[in-house]
Amino acid sequence: MRREDTGTGGSGTQTTASDADTDSTVLASVVMQGRVASVGEDRVVVRDAESGDTFNLFVTNTTRISANGKRVSPKQLSAGTPVQAAFNYIADGDTYATQIQAYPGRGR
């Protein structure tokens, strides 16, 4: 028997790349400046200050949203409020906010 035909096994099960849940893979973590375009039940839509593109950011119980140093709910954000938003872009195309910092005292 040739040496390359033998091997030892490890504990656990063998998986292939096709077995992995690639839809939930984080492709990029992004930080952007923009303004709130709208707020929904589970999302905040932000218009990017640089490109003008809108990003539909899902908000979860782990998303930290603050204004003037205090935690706030998404519904306390109003359209036109300047924000800095950090979010994860997922392989399935969704974007999940990790942090949104509002600057309500700044002009529109």
PDB file of N, CA and C in Angstrom:
ATOM      1  N   MET A   1       0.843  -1.167   0.000  1.00  0.00           N
ATOM      2  CA  MET A   1       0.000   0.000   0.000  1.00  0.00           C
ATOM      3  C   MET A   1       0.892   1.234   0.000  1.00  0.00           C
ATOM      4  N   ARG A   2       0.536   2.190  -0.858  1.00  0.00           N
ATOM      5  CA  ARG A   2       1.305   3.425  -0.914  1.00  0.00           C
ATOM      6  C   ARG A   2       0.927   4.317   0.256  1.00  0.00           C
ATOM      7  N   ARG A   3       1.875   5.108   0.691  1.00  0.00           N
ATOM      8  CA  ARG A   3       1.678   5.953   1.862  1.00  0.00           C
ATOM      9  C   ARG A   3       0.519   6.947   1.685  1.00  0.00           C
ATOM     10  N   GLU A   4       0.362   7.548   0.489  1.00  0.00           N
ATOM     11  CA  GLU A   4      -0.699   8.534   0.301  1.00  0.00           C
ATOM     12  C   GLU A   4      -2.099   7.917   0.318  1.00  0.00           C
ATOM     13  N   ASP A   5      -2.195   6.601   0.285  1.00  0.00           N
ATOM     14  CA  ASP A   5      -3.489   5.932   0.353  1.00  0.00           C
ATOM     15  C   ASP A   5      -3.934   5.675   1.787  1.00  0.00           C
ATOM     16  N   THR A   6      -3.089   5.958   2.742  1.00  0.00           N
ATOM     17  CA  THR A   6      -3.456   5.711   4.128  1.00  0.00           C
ATOM     18  C   THR A   6      -3.600   7.029   4.855  1.00  0.00           C
ATOM     19  N   GLY A   7      -4.303   6.990   5.930  1.00  0.00           N
ATOM     20  CA  GLY A   7      -4.458   8.200   6.723  1.00  0.00           C
ATOM     21  C   GLY A   7      -5.145   7.874   8.025  1.00  0.00           C
ATOM     22  N   THR A   8      -5.202   8.853   8.869  1.00  0.00           N
ATOM     23  CA  THR A   8      -5.883   8.652  10.139  1.00  0.00           C
ATOM     24  C   THR A   8      -7.090   9.569  10.180  1.00  0.00           C
ATOM     25  N   GLY A   9      -8.102   9.128  10.861  1.00  0.00           N
ATOM     26  CA  GLY A   9      -9.320   9.925  10.988  1.00  0.00           C
ATOM     27  C   GLY A   9      -9.282  10.762  12.244  1.00  0.00           C
ATOM     28  N   GLY A  10     -10.085  11.757  12.269  1.00  0.00           N
ATOM     29  CA  GLY A  10     -10.218  12.600  13.445  1.00  0.00           C
ATOM     30  C   GLY A  10     -11.619  12.472  13.991  1.00  0.00           C
ATOM     31  N   SER A  11     -11.846  13.117  15.086  1.00  0.00           N
ATOM     32  CA  SER A  11     -13.198  13.087  15.624  1.00  0.00           C
ATOM     33  C   SER A  11     -14.048  14.108  14.882  1.00  0.00           C
ATOM     34  N   GLY A  12     -15.323  13.912  14.874  1.00  0.00           N
ATOM     35  CA  GLY A  12     -16.231  14.831  14.197  1.00  0.00           C
ATOM     36  C   GLY A  12     -16.641  14.297  12.848  1.00  0.00           C
ATOM     37  N   THR A  13     -17.480  15.044  12.201  1.00  0.00           N
ATOM     38  CA  THR A  13     -17.964  14.613  10.899  1.00  0.00           C
ATOM     39  C   THR A  13     -17.306  15.427   9.813  1.00  0.00           C
ATOM     40  N   GLN A  14     -17.210  14.814   8.659  1.00  0.00           N
ATOM     41  CA  GLN A  14     -16.609  15.486   7.529  1.00  0.00           C
ATOM     42  C   GLN A  14     -17.663  16.363   6.868  1.00  0.00           C
ATOM     43  N   THR A  15     -17.272  17.586   6.550  1.00  0.00           N
ATOM     44  CA  THR A  15     -18.169  18.474   5.815  1.00  0.00           C
ATOM     45  C   THR A  15     -17.430  19.017   4.613  1.00  0.00           C
ATOM     46  N   THR A  16     -18.187  19.429   3.647  1.00  0.00           N
ATOM     47  CA  THR A  16     -17.602  20.044   2.467  1.00  0.00           C
ATOM     48  C   THR A  16     -18.067  21.486   2.406  1.00  0.00           C
ATOM     49  N   ALA A  17     -17.467  22.240   1.516  1.00  0.00           N
ATOM     50  CA  ALA A  17     -17.850  23.643   1.378  1.00  0.00           C
ATOM     51  C   ALA A  17     -19.327  23.782   1.029  1.00  0.00           C
ATOM     52  N   SER A  18     -19.853  22.822   0.274  1.00  0.00           N
ATOM     53  CA  SER A  18     -21.261  22.912  -0.100  1.00  0.00           C
ATOM     54  C   SER A  18     -22.182  22.634   1.078  1.00  0.00           C
ATOM     55  N   ASP A  19     -21.668  21.995   2.148  1.00  0.00           N
ATOM     56  CA  ASP A  19     -22.472  21.721   3.335  1.00  0.00           C
ATOM     57  C   ASP A  19     -22.626  22.953   4.220  1.00  0.00           C
ATOM     58  N   ALA A  20     -21.733  23.901   4.096  1.00  0.00           N
ATOM     59  CA  ALA A  20     -21.748  25.077   4.969  1.00  0.00           C
ATOM     60  C   ALA A  20     -22.932  25.978   4.628  1.00  0.00           C
ATOM     61  N   ASP A  21     -23.402  26.716   5.622  1.00  0.00           N
ATOM     62  CA  ASP A  21     -24.494  27.663   5.417  1.00  0.00           C
ATOM     63  C   ASP A  21     -23.900  28.968   4.907  1.00  0.00           C
ATOM     64  N   THR A  22     -23.704  29.037   3.604  1.00  0.00           N
ATOM     65  CA  THR A  22     -23.049  30.207   3.019  1.00  0.00           C
ATOM     66  C   THR A  22     -23.958  31.422   2.976  1.00  0.00           C
ATOM     67  N   ASP A  23     -25.276  31.242   3.096  1.00  0.00           N
ATOM     68  CA  ASP A  23     -26.188  32.381   3.063  1.00  0.00           C
ATOM     69  C   ASP A  23     -26.012  33.302   4.257  1.00  0.00           C
ATOM     70  N   SER A  24     -25.503  32.785   5.387  1.00  0.00           N
ATOM     71  CA  SER A  24     -25.357  33.614   6.580  1.00  0.00           C
ATOM     72  C   SER A  24     -23.925  34.098   6.789  1.00  0.00           C
ATOM     73  N   THR A  25     -23.069  33.909   5.813  1.00  0.00           N
ATOM     74  CA  THR A  25     -21.679  34.336   5.907  1.00  0.00           C
ATOM     75  C   THR A  25     -21.579  35.855   5.778  1.00  0.00           C
ATOM     76  N   VAL A  26     -20.847  36.480   6.696  1.00  0.00           N
ATOM     77  CA  VAL A  26     -20.613  37.925   6.622  1.00  0.00           C
ATOM     78  C   VAL A  26     -19.565  38.179   5.547  1.00  0.00           C
ATOM     79  N   LEU A  27     -19.941  38.932   4.523  1.00  0.00           N
ATOM     80  CA  LEU A  27     -19.009  39.256   3.448  1.00  0.00           C
ATOM     81  C   LEU A  27     -18.191  40.496   3.758  1.00  0.00           C
ATOM     82  N   ALA A  28     -18.810  41.450   4.457  1.00  0.00           N
ATOM     83  CA  ALA A  28     -18.112  42.694   4.781  1.00  0.00           C
ATOM     84  C   ALA A  28     -18.767  43.360   5.980  1.00  0.00           C
ATOM     85  N   SER A  29     -17.953  44.033   6.763  1.00  0.00           N
ATOM     86  CA  SER A  29     -18.447  44.891   7.836  1.00  0.00           C
ATOM     87  C   SER A  29     -18.203  46.322   7.383  1.00  0.00           C
ATOM     88  N   VAL A  30     -19.253  47.124   7.386  1.00  0.00           N
ATOM     89  CA  VAL A  30     -19.217  48.455   6.789  1.00  0.00           C
ATOM     90  C   VAL A  30     -19.572  49.509   7.831  1.00  0.00           C
ATOM     91  N   VAL A  31     -18.908  50.666   7.757  1.00  0.00           N
ATOM     92  CA  VAL A  31     -19.278  51.838   8.555  1.00  0.00           C
ATOM     93  C   VAL A  31     -19.526  52.967   7.565  1.00  0.00           C
ATOM     94  N   MET A  32     -20.671  53.627   7.710  1.00  0.00           N
ATOM     95  CA  MET A  32     -21.019  54.689   6.771  1.00  0.00           C
ATOM     96  C   MET A  32     -21.641  55.877   7.492  1.00  0.00           C
ATOM     97  N   GLN A  33     -21.581  57.026   6.849  1.00  0.00           N
ATOM     98  CA  GLN A  33     -22.245  58.243   7.317  1.00  0.00           C
ATOM     99  C   GLN A  33     -23.443  58.474   6.413  1.00  0.00           C
ATOM    100  N   GLY A  34     -24.541  58.921   6.988  1.00  0.00           N
ATOM    101  CA  GLY A  34     -25.708  59.194   6.164  1.00  0.00           C
ATOM    102  C   GLY A  34     -26.817  59.823   6.969  1.00  0.00           C
ATOM    103  N   ARG A  35     -28.029  59.721   6.436  1.00  0.00           N
ATOM    104  CA  ARG A  35     -29.217  60.252   7.101  1.00  0.00           C
ATOM    105  C   ARG A  35     -30.313  59.199   7.077  1.00  0.00           C
ATOM    106  N   VAL A  36     -31.090  59.178   8.143  1.00  0.00           N
ATOM    107  CA  VAL A  36     -32.219  58.255   8.205  1.00  0.00           C
ATOM    108  C   VAL A  36     -33.208  58.644   7.109  1.00  0.00           C
ATOM    109  N   ALA A  37     -33.573  57.668   6.272  1.00  0.00           N
ATOM    110  CA  ALA A  37     -34.591  57.896   5.242  1.00  0.00           C
ATOM    111  C   ALA A  37     -35.961  57.502   5.771  1.00  0.00           C
ATOM    112  N   SER A  38     -36.003  56.383   6.512  1.00  0.00           N
ATOM    113  CA  SER A  38     -37.259  55.930   7.121  1.00  0.00           C
ATOM    114  C   SER A  38     -36.948  54.898   8.192  1.00  0.00           C
ATOM    115  N   VAL A  39     -37.952  54.640   9.028  1.00  0.00           N
ATOM    116  CA  VAL A  39     -37.814  53.653  10.104  1.00  0.00           C
ATOM    117  C   VAL A  39     -39.020  52.732  10.046  1.00  0.00           C
ATOM    118  N   GLY A  40     -38.760  51.417  10.091  1.00  0.00           N
ATOM    119  CA  GLY A  40     -39.830  50.428  10.117  1.00  0.00           C
ATOM    120  C   GLY A  40     -39.787  49.638  11.404  1.00  0.00           C
ATOM    121  N   GLU A  41     -40.616  48.627  11.480  1.00  0.00           N
ATOM    122  CA  GLU A  41     -40.714  47.798  12.685  1.00  0.00           C
ATOM    123  C   GLU A  41     -39.384  47.127  13.028  1.00  0.00           C
ATOM    124  N   ASP A  42     -38.692  46.586  12.012  1.00  0.00           N
ATOM    125  CA  ASP A  42     -37.456  45.839  12.248  1.00  0.00           C
ATOM    126  C   ASP A  42     -36.297  46.343  11.402  1.00  0.00           C
ATOM    127  N   ARG A  43     -36.392  47.590  10.937  1.00  0.00           N
ATOM    128  CA  ARG A  43     -35.330  48.104  10.068  1.00  0.00           C
ATOM    129  C   ARG A  43     -35.242  49.623  10.114  1.00  0.00           C
ATOM    130  N   VAL A  44     -34.058  50.093   9.746  1.00  0.00           N
ATOM    131  CA  VAL A  44     -33.825  51.529   9.569  1.00  0.00           C
ATOM    132  C   VAL A  44     -33.224  51.686   8.178  1.00  0.00           C
ATOM    133  N   VAL A  45     -33.816  52.542   7.372  1.00  0.00           N
ATOM    134  CA  VAL A  45     -33.292  52.798   6.033  1.00  0.00           C
ATOM    135  C   VAL A  45     -32.435  54.054   6.111  1.00  0.00           C
ATOM    136  N   VAL A  46     -31.170  53.921   5.672  1.00  0.00           N
ATOM    137  CA  VAL A  46     -30.212  55.026   5.744  1.00  0.00           C
ATOM    138  C   VAL A  46     -29.740  55.371   4.337  1.00  0.00           C
ATOM    139  N   ARG A  47     -29.729  56.673   4.018  1.00  0.00           N
ATOM    140  CA  ARG A  47     -29.196  57.145   2.738  1.00  0.00           C
ATOM    141  C   ARG A  47     -27.739  57.538   2.952  1.00  0.00           C
ATOM    142  N   ASP A  48     -26.850  56.906   2.203  1.00  0.00           N
ATOM    143  CA  ASP A  48     -25.410  57.136   2.307  1.00  0.00           C
ATOM    144  C   ASP A  48     -25.087  58.574   1.896  1.00  0.00           C
ATOM    145  N   ALA A  49     -24.351  59.293   2.746  1.00  0.00           N
ATOM    146  CA  ALA A  49     -23.991  60.688   2.484  1.00  0.00           C
ATOM    147  C   ALA A  49     -23.082  60.813   1.267  1.00  0.00           C
ATOM    148  N   GLU A  50     -22.272  59.801   1.006  1.00  0.00           N
ATOM    149  CA  GLU A  50     -21.307  59.870  -0.088  1.00  0.00           C
ATOM    150  C   GLU A  50     -21.923  59.506  -1.437  1.00  0.00           C
ATOM    151  N   SER A  51     -22.626  58.374  -1.494  1.00  0.00           N
ATOM    152  CA  SER A  51     -23.129  57.872  -2.774  1.00  0.00           C
ATOM    153  C   SER A  51     -24.597  58.206  -3.038  1.00  0.00           C
ATOM    154  N   GLY A  52     -25.351  58.487  -1.975  1.00  0.00           N
ATOM    155  CA  GLY A  52     -26.785  58.700  -2.131  1.00  0.00           C
ATOM    156  C   GLY A  52     -27.590  57.412  -2.163  1.00  0.00           C
ATOM    157  N   ASP A  53     -26.905  56.267  -2.132  1.00  0.00           N
ATOM    158  CA  ASP A  53     -27.586  54.969  -2.118  1.00  0.00           C
ATOM    159  C   ASP A  53     -28.292  54.767  -0.786  1.00  0.00           C
ATOM    160  N   THR A  54     -29.393  54.025  -0.803  1.00  0.00           N
ATOM    161  CA  THR A  54     -30.084  53.707   0.443  1.00  0.00           C
ATOM    162  C   THR A  54     -29.755  52.284   0.861  1.00  0.00           C
ATOM    163  N   PHE A  55     -29.642  52.098   2.163  1.00  0.00           N
ATOM    164  CA  PHE A  55     -29.346  50.796   2.743  1.00  0.00           C
ATOM    165  C   PHE A  55     -30.448  50.443   3.729  1.00  0.00           C
ATOM    166  N   ASN A  56     -31.061  49.298   3.501  1.00  0.00           N
ATOM    167  CA  ASN A  56     -32.136  48.782   4.337  1.00  0.00           C
ATOM    168  C   ASN A  56     -31.485  47.949   5.438  1.00  0.00           C
ATOM    169  N   LEU A  57     -31.286  48.529   6.616  1.00  0.00           N
ATOM    170  CA  LEU A  57     -30.554  47.878   7.697  1.00  0.00           C
ATOM    171  C   LEU A  57     -31.521  47.215   8.668  1.00  0.00           C
ATOM    172  N   PHE A  58     -31.437  45.886   8.748  1.00  0.00           N
ATOM    173  CA  PHE A  58     -32.254  45.170   9.722  1.00  0.00           C
ATOM    174  C   PHE A  58     -31.737  45.455  11.121  1.00  0.00           C
ATOM    175  N   VAL A  59     -32.644  45.637  12.056  1.00  0.00           N
ATOM    176  CA  VAL A  59     -32.315  45.914  13.449  1.00  0.00           C
ATOM    177  C   VAL A  59     -32.739  44.707  14.274  1.00  0.00           C
ATOM    178  N   THR A  60     -31.817  44.204  15.110  1.00  0.00           N
ATOM    179  CA  THR A  60     -32.105  43.063  15.979  1.00  0.00           C
ATOM    180  C   THR A  60     -31.922  43.483  17.435  1.00  0.00           C
ATOM    181  N   ASN A  61     -32.131  42.538  18.334  1.00  0.00           N
ATOM    182  CA  ASN A  61     -31.957  42.859  19.760  1.00  0.00           C
ATOM    183  C   ASN A  61     -30.496  43.099  20.124  1.00  0.00           C
ATOM    184  N   THR A  62     -29.563  42.796  19.235  1.00  0.00           N
ATOM    185  CA  THR A  62     -28.149  43.057  19.508  1.00  0.00           C
ATOM    186  C   THR A  62     -27.672  44.375  18.894  1.00  0.00           C
ATOM    187  N   THR A  63     -28.511  45.027  18.104  1.00  0.00           N
ATOM    188  CA  THR A  63     -28.141  46.312  17.502  1.00  0.00           C
ATOM    189  C   THR A  63     -28.129  47.392  18.578  1.00  0.00           C
ATOM    190  N   ARG A  64     -27.047  48.146  18.642  1.00  0.00           N
ATOM    191  CA  ARG A  64     -26.946  49.244  19.613  1.00  0.00           C
ATOM    192  C   ARG A  64     -27.261  50.547  18.886  1.00  0.00           C
ATOM    193  N   ILE A  65     -28.329  51.202  19.317  1.00  0.00           N
ATOM    194  CA  ILE A  65     -28.740  52.475  18.727  1.00  0.00           C
ATOM    195  C   ILE A  65     -28.654  53.537  19.812  1.00  0.00           C
ATOM    196  N   SER A  66     -27.961  54.639  19.510  1.00  0.00           N
ATOM    197  CA  SER A  66     -27.813  55.682  20.523  1.00  0.00           C
ATOM    198  C   SER A  66     -27.909  57.067  19.894  1.00  0.00           C
ATOM    199  N   ALA A  67     -28.296  58.016  20.742  1.00  0.00           N
ATOM    200  CA  ALA A  67     -28.363  59.432  20.362  1.00  0.00           C
ATOM    201  C   ALA A  67     -27.935  60.240  21.574  1.00  0.00           C
ATOM    202  N   ASN A  68     -27.016  61.154  21.369  1.00  0.00           N
ATOM    203  CA  ASN A  68     -26.500  61.984  22.466  1.00  0.00           C
ATOM    204  C   ASN A  68     -25.999  61.137  23.631  1.00  0.00           C
ATOM    205  N   GLY A  69     -25.371  60.005  23.320  1.00  0.00           N
ATOM    206  CA  GLY A  69     -24.785  59.143  24.342  1.00  0.00           C
ATOM    207  C   GLY A  69     -25.756  58.246  25.079  1.00  0.00           C
ATOM    208  N   LYS A  70     -27.035  58.256  24.701  1.00  0.00           N
ATOM    209  CA  LYS A  70     -28.030  57.427  25.380  1.00  0.00           C
ATOM    210  C   LYS A  70     -28.638  56.433  24.404  1.00  0.00           C
ATOM    211  N   ARG A  71     -28.948  55.236  24.909  1.00  0.00           N
ATOM    212  CA  ARG A  71     -29.607  54.233  24.065  1.00  0.00           C
ATOM    213  C   ARG A  71     -31.018  54.680  23.740  1.00  0.00           C
ATOM    214  N   VAL A  72     -31.407  54.477  22.486  1.00  0.00           N
ATOM    215  CA  VAL A  72     -32.755  54.807  22.037  1.00  0.00           C
ATOM    216  C   VAL A  72     -33.298  53.654  21.201  1.00  0.00           C
ATOM    217  N   SER A  73     -34.599  53.651  20.990  1.00  0.00           N
ATOM    218  CA  SER A  73     -35.211  52.641  20.129  1.00  0.00           C
ATOM    219  C   SER A  73     -35.191  53.149  18.692  1.00  0.00           C
ATOM    220  N   PRO A  74     -35.315  52.246  17.723  1.00  0.00           N
ATOM    221  CA  PRO A  74     -35.335  52.697  16.325  1.00  0.00           C
ATOM    222  C   PRO A  74     -36.439  53.721  16.059  1.00  0.00           C
ATOM    223  N   LYS A  75     -37.569  53.563  16.712  1.00  0.00           N
ATOM    224  CA  LYS A  75     -38.704  54.471  16.480  1.00  0.00           C
ATOM    225  C   LYS A  75     -38.422  55.893  16.963  1.00  0.00           C
ATOM    226  N   GLN A  76     -37.366  56.071  17.758  1.00  0.00           N
ATOM    227  CA  GLN A  76     -36.990  57.408  18.212  1.00  0.00           C
ATOM    228  C   GLN A  76     -36.136  58.142  17.183  1.00  0.00           C
ATOM    229  N   LEU A  77     -35.770  57.457  16.107  1.00  0.00           N
ATOM    230  CA  LEU A  77     -35.033  58.091  15.019  1.00  0.00           C
ATOM    231  C   LEU A  77     -36.046  58.650  14.030  1.00  0.00           C
ATOM    232  N   SER A  78     -35.811  59.847  13.559  1.00  0.00           N
ATOM    233  CA  SER A  78     -36.739  60.429  12.588  1.00  0.00           C
ATOM    234  C   SER A  78     -36.031  60.648  11.257  1.00  0.00           C
ATOM    235  N   ALA A  79     -36.814  60.688  10.194  1.00  0.00           N
ATOM    236  CA  ALA A  79     -36.269  60.910   8.858  1.00  0.00           C
ATOM    237  C   ALA A  79     -35.466  62.203   8.842  1.00  0.00           C
ATOM    238  N   GLY A  80     -34.306  62.145   8.208  1.00  0.00           N
ATOM    239  CA  GLY A  80     -33.433  63.305   8.107  1.00  0.00           C
ATOM    240  C   GLY A  80     -32.357  63.375   9.166  1.00  0.00           C
ATOM    241  N   THR A  81     -32.463  62.532  10.210  1.00  0.00           N
ATOM    242  CA  THR A  81     -31.466  62.553  11.283  1.00  0.00           C
ATOM    243  C   THR A  81     -30.122  62.052  10.762  1.00  0.00           C
ATOM    244  N   PRO A  82     -29.035  62.816  10.942  1.00  0.00           N
ATOM    245  CA  PRO A  82     -27.710  62.336  10.554  1.00  0.00           C
ATOM    246  C   PRO A  82     -27.286  61.173  11.453  1.00  0.00           C
ATOM    247  N   VAL A  83     -26.693  60.145  10.846  1.00  0.00           N
ATOM    248  CA  VAL A  83     -26.256  58.972  11.600  1.00  0.00           C
ATOM    249  C   VAL A  83     -24.929  58.453  11.071  1.00  0.00           C
ATOM    250  N   GLN A  84     -24.265  57.712  11.930  1.00  0.00           N
ATOM    251  CA  GLN A  84     -23.167  56.845  11.518  1.00  0.00           C
ATOM    252  C   GLN A  84     -23.674  55.442  11.779  1.00  0.00           C
ATOM    253  N   ALA A  85     -23.668  54.604  10.758  1.00  0.00           N
ATOM    254  CA  ALA A  85     -24.199  53.252  10.886  1.00  0.00           C
ATOM    255  C   ALA A  85     -23.112  52.230  10.591  1.00  0.00           C
ATOM    256  N   ALA A  86     -23.011  51.238  11.463  1.00  0.00           N
ATOM    257  CA  ALA A  86     -22.120  50.098  11.243  1.00  0.00           C
ATOM    258  C   ALA A  86     -23.016  48.895  10.990  1.00  0.00           C
ATOM    259  N   PHE A  87     -22.693  48.140   9.940  1.00  0.00           N
ATOM    260  CA  PHE A  87     -23.529  46.987   9.626  1.00  0.00           C
ATOM    261  C   PHE A  87     -22.722  45.893   8.951  1.00  0.00           C
ATOM    262  N   ASN A  88     -23.277  44.682   8.999  1.00  0.00           N
ATOM    263  CA  ASN A  88     -22.687  43.527   8.331  1.00  0.00           C
ATOM    264  C   ASN A  88     -23.471  43.236   7.064  1.00  0.00           C
ATOM    265  N   TYR A  89     -22.736  43.086   5.964  1.00  0.00           N
ATOM    266  CA  TYR A  89     -23.334  42.695   4.687  1.00  0.00           C
ATOM    267  C   TYR A  89     -23.221  41.180   4.591  1.00  0.00           C
ATOM    268  N   ILE A  90     -24.367  40.497   4.509  1.00  0.00           N
ATOM    269  CA  ILE A  90     -24.426  39.039   4.549  1.00  0.00           C
ATOM    270  C   ILE A  90     -24.497  38.487   3.123  1.00  0.00           C
ATOM    271  N   ALA A  91     -24.010  37.258   2.931  1.00  0.00           N
ATOM    272  CA  ALA A  91     -23.956  36.634   1.610  1.00  0.00           C
ATOM    273  C   ALA A  91     -25.315  36.557   0.929  1.00  0.00           C
ATOM    274  N   ASP A  92     -26.392  36.451   1.697  1.00  0.00           N
ATOM    275  CA  ASP A  92     -27.719  36.366   1.074  1.00  0.00           C
ATOM    276  C   ASP A  92     -28.235  37.729   0.612  1.00  0.00           C
ATOM    277  N   GLY A  93     -27.436  38.799   0.831  1.00  0.00           N
ATOM    278  CA  GLY A  93     -27.804  40.134   0.377  1.00  0.00           C
ATOM    279  C   GLY A  93     -28.383  41.027   1.453  1.00  0.00           C
ATOM    280  N   ASP A  94     -28.696  40.467   2.617  1.00  0.00           N
ATOM    281  CA  ASP A  94     -29.249  41.269   3.707  1.00  0.00           C
ATOM    282  C   ASP A  94     -28.156  42.076   4.402  1.00  0.00           C
ATOM    283  N   THR A  95     -28.561  43.153   5.052  1.00  0.00           N
ATOM    284  CA  THR A  95     -27.643  43.982   5.830  1.00  0.00           C
ATOM    285  C   THR A  95     -28.206  44.123   7.237  1.00  0.00           C
ATOM    286  N   TYR A  96     -27.392  43.784   8.231  1.00  0.00           N
ATOM    287  CA  TYR A  96     -27.805  43.811   9.633  1.00  0.00           C
ATOM    288  C   TYR A  96     -27.000  44.858  10.383  1.00  0.00           C
ATOM    289  N   ALA A  97     -27.700  45.843  10.948  1.00  0.00           N
ATOM    290  CA  ALA A  97     -27.043  46.910  11.702  1.00  0.00           C
ATOM    291  C   ALA A  97     -26.464  46.351  12.993  1.00  0.00           C
ATOM    292  N   THR A  98     -25.222  46.703  13.292  1.00  0.00           N
ATOM    293  CA  THR A  98     -24.611  46.357  14.572  1.00  0.00           C
ATOM    294  C   THR A  98     -24.646  47.561  15.505  1.00  0.00           C
ATOM    295  N   GLN A  99     -24.538  48.764  14.918  1.00  0.00           N
ATOM    296  CA  GLN A  99     -24.570  49.988  15.718  1.00  0.00           C
ATOM    297  C   GLN A  99     -25.044  51.149  14.849  1.00  0.00           C
ATOM    298  N   ILE A 100     -25.892  51.986  15.425  1.00  0.00           N
ATOM    299  CA  ILE A 100     -26.324  53.218  14.764  1.00  0.00           C
ATOM    300  C   ILE A 100     -26.173  54.341  15.780  1.00  0.00           C
ATOM    301  N   GLN A 101     -25.363  55.329  15.426  1.00  0.00           N
ATOM    302  CA  GLN A 101     -25.143  56.493  16.284  1.00  0.00           C
ATOM    303  C   GLN A 101     -25.817  57.685  15.622  1.00  0.00           C
ATOM    304  N   ALA A 102     -26.843  58.228  16.272  1.00  0.00           N
ATOM    305  CA  ALA A 102     -27.565  59.380  15.728  1.00  0.00           C
ATOM    306  C   ALA A 102     -26.969  60.674  16.250  1.00  0.00           C
ATOM    307  N   TYR A 103     -27.001  61.688  15.403  1.00  0.00           N
ATOM    308  CA  TYR A 103     -26.528  63.022  15.758  1.00  0.00           C
ATOM    309  C   TYR A 103     -27.677  63.999  15.537  1.00  0.00           C
ATOM    310  N   PRO A 104     -28.730  63.936  16.381  1.00  0.00           N
ATOM    311  CA  PRO A 104     -29.942  64.712  16.132  1.00  0.00           C
ATOM    312  C   PRO A 104     -29.760  66.218  16.176  1.00  0.00           C
ATOM    313  N   GLY A 105     -28.701  66.715  16.798  1.00  0.00           N
ATOM    314  CA  GLY A 105     -28.505  68.156  16.888  1.00  0.00           C
ATOM    315  C   GLY A 105     -27.951  68.777  15.629  1.00  0.00           C
ATOM    316  N   ARG A 106     -27.522  67.966  14.677  1.00  0.00           N
ATOM    317  CA  ARG A 106     -26.909  68.491  13.455  1.00  0.00           C
ATOM    318  C   ARG A 106     -27.974  68.833  12.429  1.00  0.00           C
ATOM    319  N   GLY A 107     -27.651  69.780  11.555  1.00  0.00           N
ATOM    320  CA  GLY A 107     -28.608  70.263  10.554  1.00  0.00           C
ATOM    321  C   GLY A 107     -28.979  69.241   9.510  1.00  0.00           C
ATOM    322  N   ARG A 108     -30.000  69.553   8.759  1.00  0.00           N
ATOM    323  CA  ARG A 108     -30.501  68.639   7.724  1.00  0.00           C
ATOM    324  C   ARG A 108     -29.867  68.910   6.410  1.00  0.00           C
TER     325      ARG A 108
END
